[in-house]
């Protein structure tokens, strides 16, 4: 008798793309709401950049499937992003 595959691990490994889409939609709505407050640019830009980095991370992790790959691919994605944030702080100062 052939052994049945264990589907419980496969089910836990993948995330519902509609849930990620919902989170991205909420983040986009949050970006629009933040811009309606007419905050000073030195406060508004870092908030929008943070939301954009979170959204980019979610897209890379779930739609580009980096979450399920080897950790080095995630490091390759995160390192330039951290370097960009570092450069922003250096240039602002």
N, C-alpha and C. Protein backbone atom coordinates (compact mmCIF):
# COMPACT_ATOMS: atom_id res chain seq x y z
N UNK A 1 0.84 -1.18 0.00
CA UNK A 1 0.00 0.00 0.00
C UNK A 1 0.89 1.25 0.00
N UNK A 2 0.63 2.16 -0.91
CA UNK A 2 1.45 3.37 -1.04
C UNK A 2 1.14 4.34 0.09
N UNK A 3 2.16 5.00 0.54
CA UNK A 3 2.01 5.97 1.62
C UNK A 3 1.47 7.27 1.06
N UNK A 4 0.50 7.85 1.74
CA UNK A 4 -0.10 9.11 1.32
C UNK A 4 0.81 10.28 1.71
N UNK A 5 0.95 11.28 0.84
CA UNK A 5 1.79 12.45 1.19
C UNK A 5 1.14 13.26 2.30
N UNK A 6 1.98 13.86 3.11
CA UNK A 6 1.51 14.70 4.22
C UNK A 6 1.23 16.10 3.69
N UNK A 7 -0.04 16.46 3.55
CA UNK A 7 -0.42 17.75 3.00
C UNK A 7 -0.45 18.85 4.05
N UNK A 8 -0.31 18.50 5.33
CA UNK A 8 -0.39 19.53 6.37
C UNK A 8 0.80 20.48 6.29
N UNK A 9 1.99 19.97 5.96
CA UNK A 9 3.17 20.85 5.84
C UNK A 9 3.06 21.73 4.61
N UNK A 10 2.58 21.18 3.52
CA UNK A 10 2.45 21.97 2.30
C UNK A 10 1.42 23.08 2.49
N UNK A 11 0.37 22.80 3.25
CA UNK A 11 -0.65 23.81 3.48
C UNK A 11 -0.11 24.96 4.33
N UNK A 12 0.68 24.66 5.34
CA UNK A 12 1.23 25.71 6.20
C UNK A 12 2.32 26.51 5.51
N UNK A 13 2.92 25.95 4.51
CA UNK A 13 4.05 26.60 3.87
C UNK A 13 3.63 27.75 2.96
N UNK A 14 2.45 27.73 2.41
CA UNK A 14 2.03 28.75 1.46
C UNK A 14 0.99 29.67 2.07
N UNK A 15 1.09 30.93 1.73
CA UNK A 15 0.18 31.95 2.23
C UNK A 15 -0.83 32.29 1.15
N UNK A 16 -1.99 32.65 1.59
CA UNK A 16 -3.06 33.04 0.68
C UNK A 16 -2.68 34.35 0.00
N UNK A 17 -2.55 34.38 -1.32
CA UNK A 17 -2.17 35.62 -1.99
C UNK A 17 -3.23 36.72 -1.86
N UNK A 18 -4.48 36.33 -1.65
CA UNK A 18 -5.53 37.34 -1.47
C UNK A 18 -5.33 38.08 -0.15
N UNK A 19 -4.86 37.37 0.88
CA UNK A 19 -4.57 38.02 2.16
C UNK A 19 -3.45 39.05 2.00
N UNK A 20 -2.40 38.68 1.29
CA UNK A 20 -1.29 39.61 1.05
C UNK A 20 -1.78 40.80 0.23
N UNK A 21 -2.61 40.54 -0.76
CA UNK A 21 -3.19 41.62 -1.56
C UNK A 21 -4.00 42.57 -0.67
N UNK A 22 -4.76 42.02 0.27
CA UNK A 22 -5.53 42.84 1.20
C UNK A 22 -4.64 43.72 2.06
N UNK A 23 -3.53 43.15 2.54
CA UNK A 23 -2.58 43.93 3.35
C UNK A 23 -1.96 45.04 2.50
N UNK A 24 -1.61 44.74 1.25
CA UNK A 24 -1.05 45.75 0.36
C UNK A 24 -2.07 46.85 0.06
N UNK A 25 -3.33 46.47 -0.07
CA UNK A 25 -4.39 47.46 -0.31
C UNK A 25 -4.54 48.38 0.90
N UNK A 26 -4.54 47.80 2.09
CA UNK A 26 -4.65 48.61 3.31
C UNK A 26 -3.45 49.55 3.43
N UNK A 27 -2.25 49.06 3.09
CA UNK A 27 -1.06 49.91 3.15
C UNK A 27 -1.16 51.06 2.16
N UNK A 28 -1.71 50.80 0.98
CA UNK A 28 -1.88 51.86 -0.02
C UNK A 28 -2.89 52.89 0.46
N UNK A 29 -3.98 52.43 1.06
CA UNK A 29 -4.98 53.35 1.62
C UNK A 29 -4.34 54.18 2.73
N UNK A 30 -3.50 53.54 3.56
CA UNK A 30 -2.80 54.26 4.62
C UNK A 30 -1.89 55.34 4.05
N UNK A 31 -1.22 55.05 2.94
CA UNK A 31 -0.38 56.06 2.29
C UNK A 31 -1.20 57.26 1.85
N UNK A 32 -2.35 57.01 1.26
CA UNK A 32 -3.21 58.11 0.81
C UNK A 32 -3.71 58.92 1.99
N UNK A 33 -4.12 58.24 3.05
CA UNK A 33 -4.63 58.94 4.24
C UNK A 33 -3.54 59.80 4.87
N UNK A 34 -2.32 59.27 4.94
CA UNK A 34 -1.21 60.03 5.53
C UNK A 34 -0.95 61.30 4.72
N UNK A 35 -1.06 61.23 3.40
CA UNK A 35 -0.81 62.42 2.59
C UNK A 35 -1.92 63.47 2.76
N UNK A 36 -3.09 63.05 3.18
CA UNK A 36 -4.18 64.01 3.37
C UNK A 36 -4.01 64.88 4.61
N UNK A 37 -3.12 64.48 5.53
CA UNK A 37 -2.89 65.25 6.75
C UNK A 37 -2.03 66.49 6.53
N UNK A 38 -1.45 66.62 5.34
CA UNK A 38 -0.58 67.77 4.99
C UNK A 38 0.51 67.97 6.04
N UNK A 39 1.22 66.90 6.33
CA UNK A 39 2.33 66.95 7.27
C UNK A 39 3.53 67.61 6.59
N UNK A 40 4.47 68.14 7.39
CA UNK A 40 5.70 68.68 6.79
C UNK A 40 6.46 67.57 6.07
N UNK A 41 7.19 67.95 5.03
CA UNK A 41 7.87 66.96 4.20
C UNK A 41 8.89 66.14 4.97
N UNK A 42 9.53 66.74 5.98
CA UNK A 42 10.54 65.99 6.73
C UNK A 42 9.91 64.90 7.61
N UNK A 43 8.61 64.95 7.81
CA UNK A 43 7.90 63.89 8.52
C UNK A 43 7.18 62.97 7.53
N UNK A 44 6.59 63.54 6.51
CA UNK A 44 5.80 62.79 5.55
C UNK A 44 6.64 61.81 4.73
N UNK A 45 7.77 62.25 4.25
CA UNK A 45 8.60 61.40 3.38
C UNK A 45 9.10 60.15 4.10
N UNK A 46 9.63 60.24 5.33
CA UNK A 46 10.05 58.99 5.99
C UNK A 46 8.89 58.02 6.25
N UNK A 47 7.70 58.55 6.56
CA UNK A 47 6.55 57.68 6.76
C UNK A 47 6.20 56.96 5.47
N UNK A 48 6.15 57.70 4.37
CA UNK A 48 5.82 57.08 3.08
C UNK A 48 6.91 56.10 2.63
N UNK A 49 8.16 56.43 2.91
CA UNK A 49 9.25 55.51 2.56
C UNK A 49 9.16 54.21 3.36
N UNK A 50 8.82 54.31 4.63
CA UNK A 50 8.69 53.11 5.46
C UNK A 50 7.56 52.22 4.95
N UNK A 51 6.43 52.83 4.61
CA UNK A 51 5.32 52.04 4.08
C UNK A 51 5.70 51.42 2.74
N UNK A 52 6.43 52.16 1.92
CA UNK A 52 6.85 51.63 0.62
C UNK A 52 7.81 50.45 0.79
N UNK A 53 8.73 50.53 1.75
CA UNK A 53 9.64 49.42 1.98
C UNK A 53 8.90 48.18 2.48
N UNK A 54 7.89 48.38 3.33
CA UNK A 54 7.09 47.26 3.80
C UNK A 54 6.34 46.62 2.63
N UNK A 55 5.76 47.45 1.79
CA UNK A 55 5.03 46.92 0.64
C UNK A 55 5.97 46.19 -0.31
N UNK A 56 7.14 46.74 -0.57
CA UNK A 56 8.11 46.08 -1.45
C UNK A 56 8.56 44.76 -0.85
N UNK A 57 8.74 44.74 0.45
CA UNK A 57 9.12 43.50 1.11
C UNK A 57 8.05 42.43 1.00
N UNK A 58 6.80 42.82 1.17
CA UNK A 58 5.70 41.86 1.02
C UNK A 58 5.60 41.32 -0.40
N UNK A 59 5.75 42.20 -1.38
CA UNK A 59 5.70 41.75 -2.77
C UNK A 59 6.84 40.79 -3.06
N UNK A 60 8.04 41.12 -2.62
CA UNK A 60 9.19 40.25 -2.86
C UNK A 60 9.04 38.92 -2.12
N UNK A 61 8.55 38.98 -0.90
CA UNK A 61 8.45 37.77 -0.10
C UNK A 61 7.39 36.81 -0.62
N UNK A 62 6.23 37.34 -0.97
CA UNK A 62 5.12 36.44 -1.29
C UNK A 62 4.87 36.28 -2.78
N UNK A 63 4.93 37.35 -3.56
CA UNK A 63 4.64 37.21 -4.99
C UNK A 63 5.87 36.80 -5.79
N UNK A 64 7.06 37.10 -5.27
CA UNK A 64 8.28 36.64 -5.93
C UNK A 64 8.82 35.38 -5.23
N UNK A 65 8.09 34.90 -4.23
CA UNK A 65 8.35 33.64 -3.53
C UNK A 65 9.70 33.61 -2.82
N UNK A 66 10.21 34.76 -2.40
CA UNK A 66 11.48 34.76 -1.66
C UNK A 66 11.32 34.18 -0.26
N UNK A 67 10.13 34.22 0.28
CA UNK A 67 9.89 33.70 1.62
C UNK A 67 10.18 32.20 1.69
N UNK A 68 10.00 31.50 0.59
CA UNK A 68 10.16 30.06 0.58
C UNK A 68 11.51 29.62 0.01
N UNK A 69 12.35 30.57 -0.33
CA UNK A 69 13.67 30.25 -0.89
C UNK A 69 14.73 30.26 0.21
N UNK A 70 15.94 29.99 -0.19
CA UNK A 70 17.08 30.02 0.73
C UNK A 70 17.26 31.44 1.25
N UNK A 71 17.76 31.59 2.47
CA UNK A 71 17.86 32.89 3.12
C UNK A 71 18.78 33.85 2.37
N UNK A 72 19.72 33.35 1.58
CA UNK A 72 20.66 34.22 0.90
C UNK A 72 19.96 35.11 -0.13
N UNK A 73 18.88 34.61 -0.74
CA UNK A 73 18.14 35.43 -1.70
C UNK A 73 17.45 36.60 -1.01
N UNK A 74 16.96 36.37 0.19
CA UNK A 74 16.36 37.45 0.97
C UNK A 74 17.43 38.47 1.36
N UNK A 75 18.60 37.99 1.72
CA UNK A 75 19.71 38.90 2.06
C UNK A 75 20.12 39.74 0.86
N UNK A 76 20.10 39.12 -0.32
CA UNK A 76 20.43 39.87 -1.54
C UNK A 76 19.41 40.98 -1.78
N UNK A 77 18.16 40.73 -1.43
CA UNK A 77 17.13 41.75 -1.60
C UNK A 77 17.22 42.83 -0.52
N UNK A 78 17.48 42.45 0.71
CA UNK A 78 17.46 43.40 1.83
C UNK A 78 18.69 44.28 1.86
N UNK A 79 19.85 43.76 1.50
CA UNK A 79 21.09 44.53 1.61
C UNK A 79 21.06 45.84 0.82
N UNK A 80 20.65 45.86 -0.45
CA UNK A 80 20.58 47.16 -1.14
C UNK A 80 19.54 48.10 -0.53
N UNK A 81 18.46 47.55 -0.02
CA UNK A 81 17.43 48.39 0.60
C UNK A 81 17.98 49.05 1.87
N UNK A 82 18.69 48.29 2.67
CA UNK A 82 19.30 48.86 3.88
C UNK A 82 20.38 49.88 3.52
N UNK A 83 21.13 49.62 2.46
CA UNK A 83 22.13 50.57 2.01
C UNK A 83 21.48 51.86 1.54
N UNK A 84 20.34 51.75 0.86
CA UNK A 84 19.61 52.95 0.41
C UNK A 84 19.13 53.77 1.60
N UNK A 85 18.62 53.11 2.61
CA UNK A 85 18.16 53.82 3.83
C UNK A 85 19.35 54.49 4.49
N UNK A 86 20.48 53.80 4.57
CA UNK A 86 21.69 54.38 5.14
C UNK A 86 22.12 55.63 4.39
N UNK A 87 22.09 55.57 3.05
CA UNK A 87 22.48 56.73 2.24
C UNK A 87 21.51 57.90 2.43
N UNK A 88 20.24 57.60 2.58
CA UNK A 88 19.25 58.66 2.81
C UNK A 88 19.56 59.38 4.11
N UNK A 89 19.85 58.62 5.17
CA UNK A 89 20.16 59.26 6.45
C UNK A 89 21.45 60.06 6.38
N UNK A 90 22.44 59.57 5.65
CA UNK A 90 23.71 60.29 5.51
C UNK A 90 23.51 61.58 4.72
N UNK A 91 22.73 61.52 3.63
CA UNK A 91 22.54 62.71 2.80
C UNK A 91 21.66 63.74 3.47
N UNK A 92 20.74 63.30 4.32
CA UNK A 92 19.88 64.26 5.02
C UNK A 92 20.69 65.01 6.08
N UNK A 93 21.60 64.29 6.73
CA UNK A 93 22.42 64.93 7.77
C UNK A 93 23.43 65.81 7.13
